[in-house]
Amino acid sequence: MNDDTNTYGFLFGADMGPGKIRRNPLTSTSRFVDIGSIPAASVAGLSLPSPDVEEIWGVVVTLPRADSTLSFPKTSVTLRSGKVVDATVLTDAASFGTVEDVISEAYYWELPRAWRETLEGNAAG
């Protein structure tokens, strides 16, 4: 069951950086909700240098109600608690950054160790 009482955004690249979130006009007034994961297939068309995995971890933030009609892809995000929310995928090829940048943000947000290790293996690879 999805919780649609709020409008959410999902970031999983270098754009997860708190400063980048604050400087992005789409997320400048956002609040952190939780970390979560999405099926990798939901962003397969973005051609990002992410590892070959079944799920991708990132951060979920609130979005202003007006942003609920953004023309970005939407997907279901499973939060740490197991709750599922619908979110707009805000990360794209331009904001993803390097794998090293993503690793840094994954540590900052304390994303799951297995995800960080997978990213590190991809960077070394």
C-alpha atoms as a PDB file:
ATOM      1  CA  MET A   1       0.000   0.000   0.000  1.00  0.00           C
ATOM      2  CA  ASN A   2       1.368   3.387  -0.963  1.00  0.00           C
ATOM      3  CA  ASP A   3       1.099   6.521   1.165  1.00  0.00           C
ATOM      4  CA  ASP A   4       0.025   9.356  -1.121  1.00  0.00           C
ATOM      5  CA  THR A   5      -0.684  12.011   1.530  1.00  0.00           C
ATOM      6  CA  ASN A   6       2.608  13.766   0.751  1.00  0.00           C
ATOM      7  CA  THR A   7       4.574  14.450  -2.396  1.00  0.00           C
ATOM      8  CA  TYR A   8       8.040  12.915  -2.368  1.00  0.00           C
ATOM      9  CA  GLY A   9      11.250  13.096  -4.354  1.00  0.00           C
ATOM     10  CA  PHE A  10      13.950  10.412  -4.566  1.00  0.00           C
ATOM     11  CA  LEU A  11      17.643  11.213  -5.062  1.00  0.00           C
ATOM     12  CA  PHE A  12      20.381   8.618  -5.430  1.00  0.00           C
ATOM     13  CA  GLY A  13      23.360  10.357  -7.056  1.00  0.00           C
ATOM     14  CA  ALA A  14      25.765  13.092  -6.059  1.00  0.00           C
ATOM     15  CA  ASP A  15      22.632  15.247  -5.880  1.00  0.00           C
ATOM     16  CA  MET A  16      21.979  13.656  -2.449  1.00  0.00           C
ATOM     17  CA  GLY A  17      24.471  16.120  -0.979  1.00  0.00           C
ATOM     18  CA  PRO A  18      22.716  18.397   1.527  1.00  0.00           C
ATOM     19  CA  GLY A  19      24.159  21.524  -0.111  1.00  0.00           C
ATOM     20  CA  LYS A  20      23.042  20.359  -3.540  1.00  0.00           C
ATOM     21  CA  ILE A  21      19.568  19.618  -2.209  1.00  0.00           C
ATOM     22  CA  ARG A  22      19.353  23.161  -0.795  1.00  0.00           C
ATOM     23  CA  ARG A  23      20.631  24.776  -4.021  1.00  0.00           C
ATOM     24  CA  ASN A  24      18.310  22.816  -6.322  1.00  0.00           C
ATOM     25  CA  PRO A  25      15.150  24.872  -7.007  1.00  0.00           C
ATOM     26  CA  LEU A  26      13.073  21.675  -6.964  1.00  0.00           C
ATOM     27  CA  THR A  27      14.252  20.678  -3.486  1.00  0.00           C
ATOM     28  CA  SER A  28      15.340  23.923  -1.818  1.00  0.00           C
ATOM     29  CA  THR A  29      12.453  23.791   0.683  1.00  0.00           C
ATOM     30  CA  SER A  30      12.425  20.008   1.022  1.00  0.00           C
ATOM     31  CA  ARG A  31      12.696  18.070   4.238  1.00  0.00           C
ATOM     32  CA  PHE A  32      14.445  14.734   4.639  1.00  0.00           C
ATOM     33  CA  VAL A  33      11.991  11.858   5.099  1.00  0.00           C
ATOM     34  CA  ASP A  34      14.063   8.652   5.137  1.00  0.00           C
ATOM     35  CA  ILE A  35      16.405   6.532   3.126  1.00  0.00           C
ATOM     36  CA  GLY A  36      14.858   4.033   0.768  1.00  0.00           C
ATOM     37  CA  SER A  37      15.342   1.787  -2.214  1.00  0.00           C
ATOM     38  CA  ILE A  38      13.827   1.525  -5.664  1.00  0.00           C
ATOM     39  CA  PRO A  39      13.939  -1.256  -8.243  1.00  0.00           C
ATOM     40  CA  ALA A  40      16.948  -0.663 -10.509  1.00  0.00           C
ATOM     41  CA  ALA A  41      14.706  -1.334 -13.500  1.00  0.00           C
ATOM     42  CA  SER A  42      12.772   1.859 -12.733  1.00  0.00           C
ATOM     43  CA  VAL A  43      15.808   3.977 -13.708  1.00  0.00           C
ATOM     44  CA  ALA A  44      17.382   1.671 -16.294  1.00  0.00           C
ATOM     45  CA  GLY A  45      16.686   4.157 -19.088  1.00  0.00           C
ATOM     46  CA  LEU A  46      18.829   6.882 -17.495  1.00  0.00           C
ATOM     47  CA  SER A  47      22.166   5.347 -18.617  1.00  0.00           C
ATOM     48  CA  LEU A  48      23.927   5.981 -15.320  1.00  0.00           C
ATOM     49  CA  PRO A  49      27.229   4.444 -14.205  1.00  0.00           C
ATOM     50  CA  SER A  50      25.522   2.494 -11.429  1.00  0.00           C
ATOM     51  CA  PRO A  51      26.302  -1.127 -10.604  1.00  0.00           C
ATOM     52  CA  ASP A  52      24.342  -4.091 -11.917  1.00  0.00           C
ATOM     53  CA  VAL A  53      21.980  -4.555  -8.965  1.00  0.00           C
ATOM     54  CA  GLU A  54      18.310  -5.220  -8.337  1.00  0.00           C
ATOM     55  CA  GLU A  55      17.738  -2.203  -6.095  1.00  0.00           C
ATOM     56  CA  ILE A  56      19.194   1.272  -5.743  1.00  0.00           C
ATOM     57  CA  TRP A  57      19.389   3.135  -2.437  1.00  0.00           C
ATOM     58  CA  GLY A  58      19.000   6.864  -1.923  1.00  0.00           C
ATOM     59  CA  VAL A  59      17.193   9.541   0.056  1.00  0.00           C
ATOM     60  CA  VAL A  60      13.547  10.534   0.076  1.00  0.00           C
ATOM     61  CA  VAL A  61      12.622  14.182   0.578  1.00  0.00           C
ATOM     62  CA  THR A  62       9.338  16.047   0.659  1.00  0.00           C
ATOM     63  CA  LEU A  63       8.427  18.163  -2.350  1.00  0.00           C
ATOM     64  CA  PRO A  64       6.126  21.171  -2.496  1.00  0.00           C
ATOM     65  CA  ARG A  65       2.641  20.142  -3.622  1.00  0.00           C
ATOM     66  CA  ALA A  66       3.083  22.191  -6.809  1.00  0.00           C
ATOM     67  CA  ASP A  67       5.911  19.885  -7.862  1.00  0.00           C
ATOM     68  CA  SER A  68       3.682  16.804  -7.884  1.00  0.00           C
ATOM     69  CA  THR A  69       3.161  17.175 -11.635  1.00  0.00           C
ATOM     70  CA  LEU A  70       6.834  17.279 -12.585  1.00  0.00           C
ATOM     71  CA  SER A  71       7.593  15.494 -15.828  1.00  0.00           C
ATOM     72  CA  PHE A  72      10.210  13.313 -14.150  1.00  0.00           C
ATOM     73  CA  PRO A  73       9.709   9.549 -13.834  1.00  0.00           C
ATOM     74  CA  LYS A  74       7.832   8.310 -10.801  1.00  0.00           C
ATOM     75  CA  THR A  75       8.420   5.075  -8.906  1.00  0.00           C
ATOM     76  CA  SER A  76       7.594   3.302  -5.674  1.00  0.00           C
ATOM     77  CA  VAL A  77      10.212   3.679  -2.946  1.00  0.00           C
ATOM     78  CA  THR A  78      10.486   1.244  -0.066  1.00  0.00           C
ATOM     79  CA  LEU A  79      11.585   3.109   3.044  1.00  0.00           C
ATOM     80  CA  ARG A  80      13.755   1.566   5.771  1.00  0.00           C
ATOM     81  CA  SER A  81      10.609   0.929   7.801  1.00  0.00           C
ATOM     82  CA  GLY A  82       9.083  -1.102   4.974  1.00  0.00           C
ATOM     83  CA  LYS A  83       6.538   1.599   4.174  1.00  0.00           C
ATOM     84  CA  VAL A  84       6.142   2.241   0.439  1.00  0.00           C
ATOM     85  CA  VAL A  85       5.683   5.740  -0.986  1.00  0.00           C
ATOM     86  CA  ASP A  86       5.381   7.033  -4.532  1.00  0.00           C
ATOM     87  CA  ALA A  87       8.180   9.429  -5.412  1.00  0.00           C
ATOM     88  CA  THR A  88       9.439  11.466  -8.314  1.00  0.00           C
ATOM     89  CA  VAL A  89      12.918  10.353  -9.387  1.00  0.00           C
ATOM     90  CA  LEU A  90      14.925  13.580  -9.388  1.00  0.00           C
ATOM     91  CA  THR A  91      18.367  12.163 -10.179  1.00  0.00           C
ATOM     92  CA  ASP A  92      19.295  12.186 -13.849  1.00  0.00           C
ATOM     93  CA  ALA A  93      22.495  11.790 -15.850  1.00  0.00           C
ATOM     94  CA  ALA A  94      23.418  15.454 -15.331  1.00  0.00           C
ATOM     95  CA  SER A  95      23.029  15.361 -11.541  1.00  0.00           C
ATOM     96  CA  PHE A  96      24.316  11.835 -10.866  1.00  0.00           C
ATOM     97  CA  GLY A  97      27.998  12.828 -10.702  1.00  0.00           C
ATOM     98  CA  THR A  98      30.759  10.268 -10.448  1.00  0.00           C
ATOM     99  CA  VAL A  99      30.521   6.955  -8.629  1.00  0.00           C
ATOM    100  CA  GLU A 100      33.050   8.354  -6.143  1.00  0.00           C
ATOM    101  CA  ASP A 101      30.700  11.301  -5.463  1.00  0.00           C
ATOM    102  CA  VAL A 102      27.816   8.899  -4.916  1.00  0.00           C
ATOM    103  CA  ILE A 103      29.921   6.798  -2.520  1.00  0.00           C
ATOM    104  CA  SER A 104      30.683   9.903  -0.483  1.00  0.00           C
ATOM    105  CA  GLU A 105      26.991  10.756  -0.189  1.00  0.00           C
ATOM    106  CA  ALA A 106      26.101   7.123   0.561  1.00  0.00           C
ATOM    107  CA  TYR A 107      28.405   7.302   3.581  1.00  0.00           C
ATOM    108  CA  TYR A 108      27.023  10.685   4.625  1.00  0.00           C
ATOM    109  CA  TRP A 109      23.440   9.394   4.605  1.00  0.00           C
ATOM    110  CA  GLU A 110      24.471   6.054   6.119  1.00  0.00           C
ATOM    111  CA  LEU A 111      22.949   4.067   3.282  1.00  0.00           C
ATOM    112  CA  PRO A 112      23.191   0.296   3.806  1.00  0.00           C
ATOM    113  CA  ARG A 113      26.714  -1.106   3.993  1.00  0.00           C
ATOM    114  CA  ALA A 114      26.021  -3.641   1.232  1.00  0.00           C
ATOM    115  CA  TRP A 115      25.023  -0.777  -1.108  1.00  0.00           C
ATOM    116  CA  ARG A 116      28.146   1.237  -0.266  1.00  0.00           C
ATOM    117  CA  GLU A 117      30.351  -1.816  -0.810  1.00  0.00           C
ATOM    118  CA  THR A 118      28.673  -2.498  -4.147  1.00  0.00           C
ATOM    119  CA  LEU A 119      29.327   1.094  -5.226  1.00  0.00           C
ATOM    120  CA  GLU A 120      32.954   0.841  -4.103  1.00  0.00           C
ATOM    121  CA  GLY A 121      33.377  -2.388  -6.059  1.00  0.00           C
ATOM    122  CA  ASN A 122      31.931  -0.668  -9.113  1.00  0.00           C
ATOM    123  CA  ALA A 123      34.347   2.260  -8.700  1.00  0.00           C
ATOM    124  CA  ALA A 124      37.330  -0.078  -8.380  1.00  0.00           C
ATOM    125  CA  GLY A 125      36.203  -2.138 -11.208  1.00  0.00           C
END
